Amino acid sequence: MTAGASVARSALVPADPREVEAADAVVSGLGLPADGIAVADPATGETVAHIPDDGVDEALAAVAAADAAGRDWATTTPRKRADVLRAWWESLVAHTEELAHLITREMGKPLAEARAEVKYGTDFVRFYAEEAVRPGGSFRDAPDGGSSILVRRAPVGLAVLITPWNFPLAMATRKIAPAIAAGCAAVVKPATATPLTTIYAVQLAVEAGVPQDLVRIVTTSSASAFSEAVLVDPRVRKVSFTGSTGVGKRLLELAAQNVLRSSMELGGNAPLLVFDDADLERAVDGTFAAKMRNGGQSCIAANRIFVQDGVADDFVAALAERFEKVKVGNGFGDGTGLGPLIDDRAVAQMRALTDDAVAKGATLRTGGGDHDGDGHFFPPTVLDHLPASADAATTEIFGPIAAVQRFSDEAEGLARANDTEFGLAGYVFTESLDRALNVADRLQTGLVGINQGVPSNAAAPFGGIKQSGMGREGSAEGLEEYQSVRFYNVARRGSG
């Protein structure tokens, strides 16, 4: 299929009304206002709920309340923090179905994927419940004698946590849990497109023993006014943001005024390299997972797929076959494998990228068309022979388009993979251990999936280099982002 990017319209998998009713029952229990910012279901366009449209005064009131609660929380023992986090984890797990239904209702991903996000998101809470009782530190003698050096970790202070819409539970717990474990308070600003899951998760945290004001949520239609007021407040000592590189740079400008500890998880343009010696089935499975997880709406989604010439034809044929089997529809539908995109702008971008690629010479192997019904849907799409001049070759796609380019040898593949200002994730598929590690070492990214398409793990340090950000989330390194290093120099008689 080479001419034009449109194929016949196809029907969508409908929602199971019982699942929708279950989700709405959870929404009704959140105690939300009757008006404010509308939260819509991307599968239907229906307004699900309204959330408060907080202004600067409300944001600064949240800062004041969290700061007061945080001063008390900083004096608690590591065991106390661990026990509270453990109780929160148990509550989140017990409410897996409610959380998953909220995720699907407000974000659109299939219910099975929403349950997987709950598992992923709760893993961070459990991990930091365990990590809280292992604070770092050291004791050493001064090299010239006369004293000993005691190194300790202290809470960095009040943290402002700004989360994106694509993983409404996991992106919140990945930030909130280490803050609590380190002894910090937090003001959380979730994306207005998907705030309901975060609101519910924080309610469960309070019920589990997290102090009432320790984690405060602010929802607002003016993200810039929020940031400009809060990040320069002297009570704030930390900012963590997940989102676009452009917004991250602006937040860093604001953070510089207050010299804030900053963690930035920014844009991605992940390369995925499939070498001739790769196990074809494993490479297709891994590429499918790396591309189609969350409908491609992930900062570590495989964006630039480079396949070596010797296996490219077979790989593309197998990948297109996998894409063709995906059922598109409401996330509450039976067998749905791909839900809606987040909004109409996302759909328009997918159409524009596909049309541009085909116009410049790419081969449309599957997808690229429209669907009947309402909602923000775009079909799973495979483009082959993507030219370097196509927008999809340089743009973070953030949707269900697999755009395949071909390369001849390792040196060329690596050079093209690294030819980007971004450096978040990369993927390598090969049966050679030497090649896998050598290529991974030379990829300019913060994380690499080797023969797998889902590398994220709560116990691993997630984050990028270059224009993809700074700092790490998850793992012990993620806890350190919420800690200050202090040392005491203790004089000793008779030493040295």
Protein backbone atom coordinates (compact mmCIF):
# COMPACT_ATOMS: atom_id res chain seq x y z
CA MET A 1 0.00 0.00 0.00
CA THR A 2 1.86 3.06 -1.22
CA ALA A 3 -0.58 5.60 -2.59
CA GLY A 4 -2.37 7.71 -0.02
CA ALA A 5 -2.51 7.18 3.70
CA SER A 6 -6.20 6.31 4.00
CA VAL A 7 -7.75 2.87 4.11
CA ALA A 8 -11.34 1.74 4.59
CA ARG A 9 -13.06 2.79 7.77
CA SER A 10 -13.36 0.03 10.36
CA ALA A 11 -15.63 -0.49 13.33
CA LEU A 12 -14.53 -0.01 16.93
CA VAL A 13 -14.89 -2.48 19.80
CA PRO A 14 -17.72 -1.09 21.95
CA ALA A 15 -17.55 -0.60 25.71
CA ASP A 16 -19.01 -3.07 28.18
CA PRO A 17 -21.61 -0.91 29.99
CA ARG A 18 -21.01 -2.75 33.25
CA GLU A 19 -17.36 -1.73 33.26
CA VAL A 20 -18.27 1.89 32.55
CA GLU A 21 -20.75 1.84 35.42
CA ALA A 22 -18.08 0.43 37.74
CA ALA A 23 -15.73 3.26 36.79
CA ASP A 24 -18.38 5.91 37.28
CA ALA A 25 -19.17 4.52 40.72
CA VAL A 26 -15.56 5.20 41.72
CA VAL A 27 -15.71 8.70 40.24
CA SER A 28 -18.87 9.50 42.18
CA GLY A 29 -17.10 8.66 45.44
CA LEU A 30 -14.29 11.15 44.93
CA GLY A 31 -16.28 14.12 46.26
CA LEU A 32 -15.57 16.33 43.25
CA PRO A 33 -17.32 19.64 42.50
CA ALA A 34 -20.21 20.01 40.07
CA ASP A 35 -18.28 22.44 37.90
CA GLY A 36 -14.71 23.47 37.18
CA ILE A 37 -12.27 21.84 34.74
CA ALA A 38 -14.00 19.10 32.74
CA VAL A 39 -12.36 15.68 32.59
CA ALA A 40 -13.41 13.83 29.44
CA ASP A 41 -13.38 10.19 28.37
CA PRO A 42 -11.17 10.16 25.25
CA ALA A 43 -13.08 7.17 23.88
CA THR A 44 -16.38 9.05 23.72
CA GLY A 45 -15.75 12.74 24.43
CA GLU A 46 -18.18 12.44 27.35
CA THR A 47 -17.49 14.56 30.44
CA VAL A 48 -16.71 12.17 33.27
CA ALA A 49 -16.21 14.67 36.11
CA HIS A 50 -15.14 18.17 37.02
CA ILE A 51 -12.14 19.12 39.14
CA PRO A 52 -11.33 22.38 40.93
CA ASP A 53 -9.66 25.11 38.91
CA ASP A 54 -7.25 26.28 41.59
CA GLY A 55 -5.62 29.66 41.34
CA VAL A 56 -2.37 30.98 42.75
CA ASP A 57 -3.89 31.59 46.21
CA GLU A 58 -5.01 27.97 46.48
CA ALA A 59 -1.64 26.75 45.27
CA LEU A 60 0.24 28.78 47.86
CA ALA A 61 -2.18 27.62 50.56
CA ALA A 62 -1.32 24.04 49.58
CA VAL A 63 2.38 24.91 49.85
CA ALA A 64 1.87 26.33 53.33
CA ALA A 65 -0.12 23.32 54.55
CA ALA A 66 2.28 20.77 53.08
CA ASP A 67 5.29 22.62 54.44
CA ALA A 68 3.86 22.57 57.96
CA ALA A 69 3.05 18.86 57.73
CA GLY A 70 6.44 18.17 56.24
CA ARG A 71 8.33 19.70 59.14
CA ASP A 72 6.74 17.14 61.46
CA TRP A 73 7.14 14.29 58.98
CA ALA A 74 10.87 14.98 58.63
CA THR A 75 11.33 14.05 62.30
CA THR A 76 9.67 10.63 61.98
CA THR A 77 11.72 7.47 62.02
CA PRO A 78 12.51 5.52 58.85
CA ARG A 79 10.45 2.66 60.27
CA LYS A 80 7.41 4.90 60.66
CA ARG A 81 7.69 6.06 57.06
CA ALA A 82 8.16 2.50 55.85
CA ASP A 83 5.11 1.27 57.75
CA VAL A 84 2.91 4.04 56.34
CA LEU A 85 4.12 3.37 52.80
CA ARG A 86 3.53 -0.34 53.28
CA ALA A 87 -0.02 0.36 54.40
CA TRP A 88 -0.55 2.59 51.36
CA TRP A 89 0.77 -0.14 49.08
CA GLU A 90 -1.60 -2.68 50.60
CA SER A 91 -4.52 -0.29 50.11
CA LEU A 92 -3.59 0.42 46.50
CA VAL A 93 -3.34 -3.29 45.75
CA ALA A 94 -6.67 -3.94 47.45
CA HIS A 95 -8.24 -1.26 45.23
CA THR A 96 -6.60 -2.42 41.98
CA GLU A 97 -9.89 -2.71 40.13
CA GLU A 98 -11.11 0.74 41.16
CA LEU A 99 -7.79 2.32 40.12
CA ALA A 100 -7.70 0.45 36.82
CA HIS A 101 -11.25 1.51 35.99
CA LEU A 102 -10.38 5.15 36.70
CA ILE A 103 -7.29 4.93 34.46
CA THR A 104 -9.29 3.52 31.58
CA ARG A 105 -12.15 5.98 32.04
CA GLU A 106 -10.01 9.12 32.01
CA MET A 107 -7.03 8.04 29.89
CA GLY A 108 -8.56 5.42 27.59
CA LYS A 109 -6.04 2.59 27.69
CA PRO A 110 -7.48 -0.95 27.62
CA LEU A 111 -8.51 -2.25 31.03
CA ALA A 112 -5.89 -5.02 30.94
CA GLU A 113 -3.19 -2.40 30.38
CA ALA A 114 -4.65 -0.24 33.14
CA ARG A 115 -4.33 -3.16 35.55
CA ALA A 116 -0.71 -3.53 34.46
CA GLU A 117 -0.14 0.14 35.22
CA VAL A 118 -1.58 -0.35 38.70
CA LYS A 119 0.92 -3.16 39.25
CA TYR A 120 3.75 -0.98 37.96
CA GLY A 121 2.64 2.05 39.98
CA THR A 122 2.19 0.15 43.23
CA ASP A 123 5.64 -1.42 42.83
CA PHE A 124 7.16 2.01 43.48
CA VAL A 125 5.29 2.33 46.77
CA ARG A 126 6.37 -1.12 47.92
CA PHE A 127 9.96 -0.52 46.81
CA TYR A 128 10.26 2.73 48.76
CA ALA A 129 8.56 1.20 51.78
CA GLU A 130 11.51 -1.19 51.80
CA GLU A 131 14.11 1.42 50.87
CA ALA A 132 13.02 3.86 53.58
CA VAL A 133 14.70 1.78 56.29
CA ARG A 134 18.02 1.71 54.41
CA PRO A 135 19.13 5.34 54.51
CA GLY A 136 22.55 6.00 53.06
CA GLY A 137 25.47 7.34 55.05
CA SER A 138 29.05 6.65 56.02
CA PHE A 139 31.66 7.05 58.73
CA ARG A 140 35.33 7.62 57.92
CA ASP A 141 38.48 8.98 59.47
CA ALA A 142 39.88 12.22 58.08
CA PRO A 143 43.02 11.45 56.03
CA ASP A 144 45.20 13.80 58.09
CA GLY A 145 43.86 12.49 61.40
CA GLY A 146 42.45 14.41 64.33
CA SER A 147 38.81 13.96 63.42
CA SER A 148 36.21 11.63 61.97
CA ILE A 149 33.75 12.45 59.21
CA LEU A 150 30.13 11.39 59.63
CA VAL A 151 28.04 11.60 56.42
CA ARG A 152 24.27 11.57 56.71
CA ARG A 153 21.21 12.04 54.50
CA ALA A 154 18.47 14.52 55.36
CA PRO A 155 15.12 15.29 53.70
CA VAL A 156 15.61 17.88 50.99
CA GLY A 157 12.36 19.62 51.95
CA LEU A 158 9.05 20.41 50.32
CA ALA A 159 8.80 18.96 46.82
CA VAL A 160 6.63 20.12 43.93
CA LEU A 161 5.72 17.15 41.74
CA ILE A 162 4.30 17.78 38.27
CA THR A 163 2.99 14.67 36.54
CA PRO A 164 1.88 13.91 32.94
CA TRP A 165 -1.38 12.45 31.66
CA ASN A 166 -0.19 9.20 30.11
CA PHE A 167 0.42 7.11 33.27
CA PRO A 168 -1.80 8.79 35.88
CA LEU A 169 -0.99 6.35 38.70
CA ALA A 170 2.58 5.29 37.99
CA MET A 171 3.94 8.78 37.33
CA ALA A 172 2.42 9.96 40.63
CA THR A 173 3.61 7.08 42.83
CA ARG A 174 7.07 7.18 41.24
CA LYS A 175 7.46 10.69 42.67
CA ILE A 176 5.29 10.66 45.81
CA ALA A 177 6.64 7.43 47.32
CA PRO A 178 10.34 8.43 47.44
CA ALA A 179 9.39 11.86 48.76
CA ILE A 180 7.50 10.28 51.66
CA ALA A 181 10.27 7.74 52.25
CA ALA A 182 12.89 10.49 52.44
CA GLY A 183 10.83 12.53 54.92
CA CYS A 184 9.52 15.18 52.51
CA ALA A 185 6.12 16.74 51.95
CA ALA A 186 4.78 17.19 48.44
CA VAL A 187 2.48 19.41 46.39
CA VAL A 188 1.31 17.40 43.39
CA LYS A 189 -0.03 18.94 40.20
CA PRO A 190 -1.47 16.19 37.98
CA ALA A 191 -2.33 16.80 34.34
CA THR A 192 -5.87 18.11 34.02
CA ALA A 193 -6.62 15.49 31.35
CA THR A 194 -6.17 12.61 33.81
CA PRO A 195 -6.29 13.78 37.44
CA LEU A 196 -8.87 11.37 38.86
CA THR A 197 -6.56 8.40 39.44
CA THR A 198 -4.04 10.55 41.31
CA ILE A 199 -6.78 12.11 43.44
CA TYR A 200 -8.07 8.67 44.40
CA ALA A 201 -4.59 7.31 45.10
CA VAL A 202 -3.82 10.20 47.46
CA GLN A 203 -7.14 9.69 49.24
CA LEU A 204 -6.11 6.07 49.80
CA ALA A 205 -2.75 7.30 51.09
CA VAL A 206 -4.42 9.45 53.75
CA GLU A 207 -6.66 6.56 54.77
CA ALA A 208 -3.52 4.41 55.09
CA GLY A 209 -1.86 6.83 57.51
CA VAL A 210 -0.14 9.49 55.41
CA PRO A 211 -0.75 12.77 57.29
CA GLN A 212 -3.66 14.77 55.88
CA ASP A 213 -1.64 17.68 54.47
CA LEU A 214 1.63 15.90 53.72
CA VAL A 215 0.62 15.34 50.09
CA ARG A 216 -1.54 18.12 48.68
CA ILE A 217 -3.05 18.07 45.18
CA VAL A 218 -3.50 21.21 43.11
CA THR A 219 -5.48 21.12 39.87
CA THR A 220 -5.43 24.17 37.66
CA SER A 221 -6.07 25.28 34.11
CA SER A 222 -3.06 27.63 34.31
CA ALA A 223 0.04 25.50 34.70
CA SER A 224 2.31 28.48 34.03
CA ALA A 225 0.75 30.62 36.78
CA PHE A 226 1.07 27.69 39.19
CA SER A 227 4.74 27.15 38.40
CA GLU A 228 5.65 30.83 38.42
CA ALA A 229 4.15 31.25 41.89
CA VAL A 230 5.13 28.01 43.56
CA LEU A 231 8.66 27.36 42.31
CA VAL A 232 9.92 30.72 43.58
CA ASP A 233 8.36 30.25 47.02
CA PRO A 234 11.20 29.89 49.56
CA ARG A 235 9.43 27.00 51.30
CA VAL A 236 9.80 24.85 48.19
CA ARG A 237 13.13 23.03 47.90
CA LYS A 238 12.62 20.46 45.17
CA VAL A 239 10.86 20.12 41.82
CA SER A 240 10.27 16.96 39.84
CA PHE A 241 8.69 17.18 36.41
CA THR A 242 7.77 14.69 33.70
CA GLY A 243 6.80 16.21 30.37
CA SER A 244 8.10 18.00 27.32
CA THR A 245 11.62 19.36 27.02
CA GLY A 246 10.32 22.85 26.27
CA VAL A 247 8.29 23.03 29.47
CA GLY A 248 11.13 21.44 31.43
CA LYS A 249 13.52 24.18 30.35
CA ARG A 250 11.10 26.85 31.53
CA LEU A 251 10.71 25.11 34.89
CA LEU A 252 14.49 24.96 35.24
CA GLU A 253 14.63 28.71 34.68
CA LEU A 254 12.18 29.18 37.54
CA ALA A 255 13.96 26.61 39.70
CA ALA A 256 17.23 28.48 39.23
CA GLN A 257 15.77 31.54 40.96
CA ASN A 258 15.23 29.47 44.09
CA VAL A 259 18.21 27.10 43.51
CA LEU A 260 15.90 24.10 43.69
CA ARG A 261 16.96 20.49 43.57
CA SER A 262 15.56 19.47 40.18
CA SER A 263 14.61 16.21 38.50
CA MET A 264 13.50 16.43 34.88
CA GLU A 265 12.20 13.49 32.84
CA LEU A 266 11.71 15.11 29.46
CA GLY A 267 11.12 14.27 25.80
CA GLY A 268 12.30 11.11 24.11
CA ASN A 269 13.04 9.94 20.59
CA ALA A 270 14.00 6.36 21.32
CA PRO A 271 15.96 4.40 18.71
CA LEU A 272 15.36 0.67 18.36
CA LEU A 273 18.01 -1.36 16.53
CA VAL A 274 17.29 -4.81 15.08
CA PHE A 275 20.42 -6.55 13.80
CA ASP A 276 20.62 -9.35 11.24
CA ASP A 277 21.47 -11.89 13.91
CA ALA A 278 18.42 -11.05 16.06
CA ASP A 279 15.86 -13.71 16.95
CA LEU A 280 13.10 -12.50 14.62
CA GLU A 281 10.19 -13.57 16.82
CA ARG A 282 11.71 -11.98 19.91
CA ALA A 283 12.56 -8.81 17.98
CA VAL A 284 9.01 -8.46 16.67
CA ASP A 285 7.52 -9.14 20.10
CA GLY A 286 9.85 -6.65 21.73
CA THR A 287 9.29 -3.98 19.11
CA PHE A 288 5.53 -4.43 19.36
CA ALA A 289 5.71 -3.97 23.14
CA ALA A 290 8.08 -1.00 22.92
CA LYS A 291 5.88 0.70 20.33
CA MET A 292 2.34 -0.22 21.35
CA ARG A 293 2.51 -0.03 25.14
CA ASN A 294 0.06 2.68 26.12
CA GLY A 295 -0.80 3.08 22.44
CA GLY A 296 2.65 4.51 21.79
CA GLN A 297 1.88 7.38 24.18
CA SER A 298 5.02 6.85 26.21
CA CYS A 299 8.25 8.81 26.45
CA ILE A 300 10.26 5.59 26.02
CA ALA A 301 8.17 4.24 23.12
CA ALA A 302 10.25 2.94 20.21
CA ASN A 303 10.22 5.97 17.95
CA ARG A 304 12.91 5.42 15.32
CA ILE A 305 12.99 1.76 14.34
CA PHE A 306 16.21 0.82 12.52
CA VAL A 307 16.35 -2.67 10.99
CA GLN A 308 19.42 -4.15 9.32
CA ASP A 309 18.97 -4.93 5.63
CA GLY A 310 19.33 -8.70 5.87
CA VAL A 311 16.29 -9.20 8.09
CA ALA A 312 14.26 -6.08 7.27
CA ASP A 313 11.74 -7.58 4.83
CA ASP A 314 10.83 -10.46 7.12
CA PHE A 315 10.74 -8.21 10.17
CA VAL A 316 8.42 -5.64 8.61
CA ALA A 317 6.08 -8.33 7.28
CA ALA A 318 5.83 -9.95 10.72
CA LEU A 319 5.40 -6.63 12.51
CA ALA A 320 2.65 -5.52 10.12
CA GLU A 321 0.86 -8.82 10.69
CA ARG A 322 0.96 -8.22 14.46
CA PHE A 323 -0.39 -4.69 14.04
CA GLU A 324 -3.23 -5.87 11.81
CA LYS A 325 -4.48 -8.22 14.53
CA VAL A 326 -4.88 -5.45 17.13
CA LYS A 327 -8.50 -4.67 17.98
CA VAL A 328 -9.14 -0.95 18.32
CA GLY A 329 -11.90 0.37 20.52
CA ASN A 330 -13.13 1.49 23.89
CA GLY A 331 -10.78 0.52 26.71
CA PHE A 332 -13.70 -1.21 28.40
CA GLY A 333 -14.36 -3.31 25.29
CA ASP A 334 -13.90 -7.06 25.16
CA GLY A 335 -10.57 -7.82 23.51
CA THR A 336 -9.57 -4.21 22.90
CA GLY A 337 -5.83 -4.00 22.30
CA LEU A 338 -5.60 -0.30 21.48
CA GLY A 339 -7.74 2.41 23.01
CA PRO A 340 -8.13 6.05 22.00
CA LEU A 341 -5.42 8.67 21.88
CA ILE A 342 -5.70 11.39 24.47
CA ASP A 343 -7.32 14.08 22.30
CA ASP A 344 -8.09 15.29 18.78
CA ARG A 345 -4.74 17.03 18.47
CA ALA A 346 -2.96 13.70 18.94
CA VAL A 347 -5.08 12.11 16.21
CA ALA A 348 -4.41 15.01 13.87
CA GLN A 349 -0.67 14.64 14.47
CA MET A 350 -0.78 10.91 13.63
CA ARG A 351 -2.61 11.64 10.39
CA ALA A 352 -0.16 14.41 9.50
CA LEU A 353 2.90 12.24 10.20
CA THR A 354 1.50 9.37 8.16
CA ASP A 355 0.47 11.53 5.21
CA ASP A 356 3.83 13.31 5.21
CA ALA A 357 5.76 10.02 5.29
CA VAL A 358 3.79 8.49 2.41
CA ALA A 359 4.07 11.68 0.37
CA LYS A 360 7.85 11.56 0.78
CA GLY A 361 8.15 7.92 -0.29
CA ALA A 362 7.41 5.68 2.69
CA THR A 363 5.40 2.50 2.15
CA LEU A 364 2.22 2.21 4.19
CA ARG A 365 2.06 -1.45 5.20
CA THR A 366 -1.03 -1.27 7.40
CA GLY A 367 -3.21 1.30 9.15
CA GLY A 368 -3.35 4.98 8.41
CA GLY A 369 -7.13 5.14 8.08
CA ASP A 370 -10.14 6.22 10.11
CA HIS A 371 -12.65 4.53 12.38
CA ASP A 372 -16.39 4.83 12.70
CA GLY A 373 -17.84 6.44 15.82
CA ASP A 374 -16.83 9.11 18.31
CA GLY A 375 -13.62 9.41 20.26
CA HIS A 376 -9.97 10.04 19.49
CA PHE A 377 -8.92 6.91 17.62
CA PHE A 378 -6.12 6.14 15.18
CA PRO A 379 -5.32 2.66 13.88
CA PRO A 380 -2.07 0.76 14.47
CA THR A 381 0.12 1.84 11.56
CA VAL A 382 3.33 0.46 10.06
CA LEU A 383 5.42 2.56 7.69
CA ASP A 384 8.35 0.98 5.85
CA HIS A 385 11.29 2.58 4.03
CA LEU A 386 10.78 5.79 6.00
CA PRO A 387 12.94 8.49 4.39
CA ALA A 388 15.17 10.61 6.58
CA SER A 389 13.35 13.70 5.28
CA ALA A 390 10.00 12.57 6.74
CA ASP A 391 8.76 14.33 9.86
CA ALA A 392 8.30 10.95 11.58
CA ALA A 393 12.06 10.38 11.33
CA THR A 394 12.80 13.23 13.73
CA THR A 395 9.56 13.91 15.64
CA GLU A 396 8.59 12.18 18.88
CA ILE A 397 5.59 10.33 17.45
CA PHE A 398 3.69 9.59 20.69
CA GLY A 399 1.16 7.32 19.04
CA PRO A 400 0.66 3.90 17.39
CA ILE A 401 2.88 4.44 14.33
CA ALA A 402 5.84 2.11 13.79
CA ALA A 403 8.13 3.88 11.32
CA VAL A 404 10.85 1.60 9.99
CA GLN A 405 14.16 2.71 8.53
CA ARG A 406 16.88 0.40 7.25
CA PHE A 407 20.63 0.32 7.81
CA SER A 408 23.56 -1.67 6.44
CA ASP A 409 26.04 -2.15 9.27
CA GLU A 410 26.57 -1.54 12.98
CA ALA A 411 28.45 1.72 12.55
CA GLU A 412 25.70 3.21 10.41
CA GLY A 413 22.95 2.00 12.74
CA LEU A 414 24.64 3.52 15.78
CA ALA A 415 25.38 6.81 14.07
CA ARG A 416 21.76 7.23 13.03
CA ALA A 417 20.46 6.11 16.42
CA ASN A 418 22.55 8.76 18.18
CA ASP A 419 21.72 11.51 15.69
CA THR A 420 19.23 13.27 17.96
CA GLU A 421 19.26 15.82 20.75
CA PHE A 422 17.33 13.41 22.95
CA GLY A 423 18.72 10.56 25.03
CA LEU A 424 16.13 8.82 27.16
CA ALA A 425 15.70 5.19 26.04
CA GLY A 426 17.15 2.88 23.41
CA TYR A 427 16.61 -0.75 22.38
CA VAL A 428 18.90 -3.39 20.92
CA PHE A 429 17.91 -6.76 19.45
CA THR A 430 20.74 -9.18 18.71
CA GLU A 431 21.76 -12.72 19.71
CA SER A 432 25.36 -11.64 20.22
CA LEU A 433 26.15 -10.76 23.82
CA ASP A 434 29.23 -8.82 22.77
CA ARG A 435 27.27 -6.77 20.25
CA ALA A 436 24.42 -6.19 22.68
CA LEU A 437 26.68 -4.75 25.36
CA ASN A 438 28.96 -2.87 22.99
CA VAL A 439 26.04 -1.20 21.22
CA ALA A 440 24.30 -0.45 24.52
CA ASP A 441 27.49 1.18 25.80
CA ARG A 442 27.66 3.41 22.73
CA LEU A 443 24.00 4.39 22.63
CA GLN A 444 23.62 7.90 24.02
CA THR A 445 20.64 7.13 26.24
CA GLY A 446 19.94 6.83 29.95
CA LEU A 447 18.45 3.34 29.68
CA VAL A 448 18.62 0.49 27.20
CA GLY A 449 16.34 -2.48 26.66
CA ILE A 450 18.33 -5.45 25.38
CA ASN A 451 16.13 -8.02 23.64
CA GLN A 452 13.09 -6.66 25.45
CA GLY A 453 10.62 -3.88 24.85
CA VAL A 454 9.61 -2.91 28.41
CA PRO A 455 12.78 -2.05 30.36
CA SER A 456 11.20 0.03 33.16
CA ASN A 457 11.33 -1.35 36.69
CA ALA A 458 10.78 0.24 40.10
CA ALA A 459 14.19 -1.03 41.21
CA ALA A 460 15.99 0.57 38.26
CA PRO A 461 17.14 4.21 37.89
CA PHE A 462 14.91 5.71 35.17
CA GLY A 463 16.03 8.89 33.43
CA GLY A 464 17.74 10.38 30.41
CA ILE A 465 20.71 12.37 29.21
CA LYS A 466 21.14 15.23 26.73
CA GLN A 467 17.82 17.05 26.15
CA SER A 468 15.90 14.21 27.82
CA GLY A 469 16.53 15.48 31.30
CA MET A 470 18.43 15.05 34.54
CA GLY A 471 18.03 13.06 37.71
CA ARG A 472 16.65 9.56 38.18
CA GLU A 473 13.38 8.02 39.35
CA GLY A 474 13.02 4.57 40.85
CA SER A 475 15.72 2.62 42.68
CA ALA A 476 17.96 3.87 45.48
CA GLU A 477 19.09 6.65 43.15
CA GLY A 478 15.50 7.87 43.02
CA LEU A 479 15.42 8.20 46.81
CA GLU A 480 18.60 10.27 46.75
CA GLU A 481 16.81 12.85 44.60
CA TYR A 482 14.81 13.78 47.74
CA GLN A 483 17.77 13.83 50.11
CA SER A 484 20.48 16.31 50.99
CA VAL A 485 23.95 15.05 51.88
CA ARG A 486 25.35 16.50 55.11
CA PHE A 487 28.55 15.78 56.99
CA TYR A 488 29.73 16.33 60.55
CA ASN A 489 33.43 16.72 61.28
CA VAL A 490 33.95 15.29 64.75
CA ALA A 491 37.17 16.27 66.53
CA ARG A 492 38.91 13.39 68.34
CA ARG A 493 41.51 13.65 71.08
CA GLY A 494 44.55 11.48 70.68
CA SER A 495 43.90 10.80 67.05
CA GLY A 496 46.51 11.38 64.35
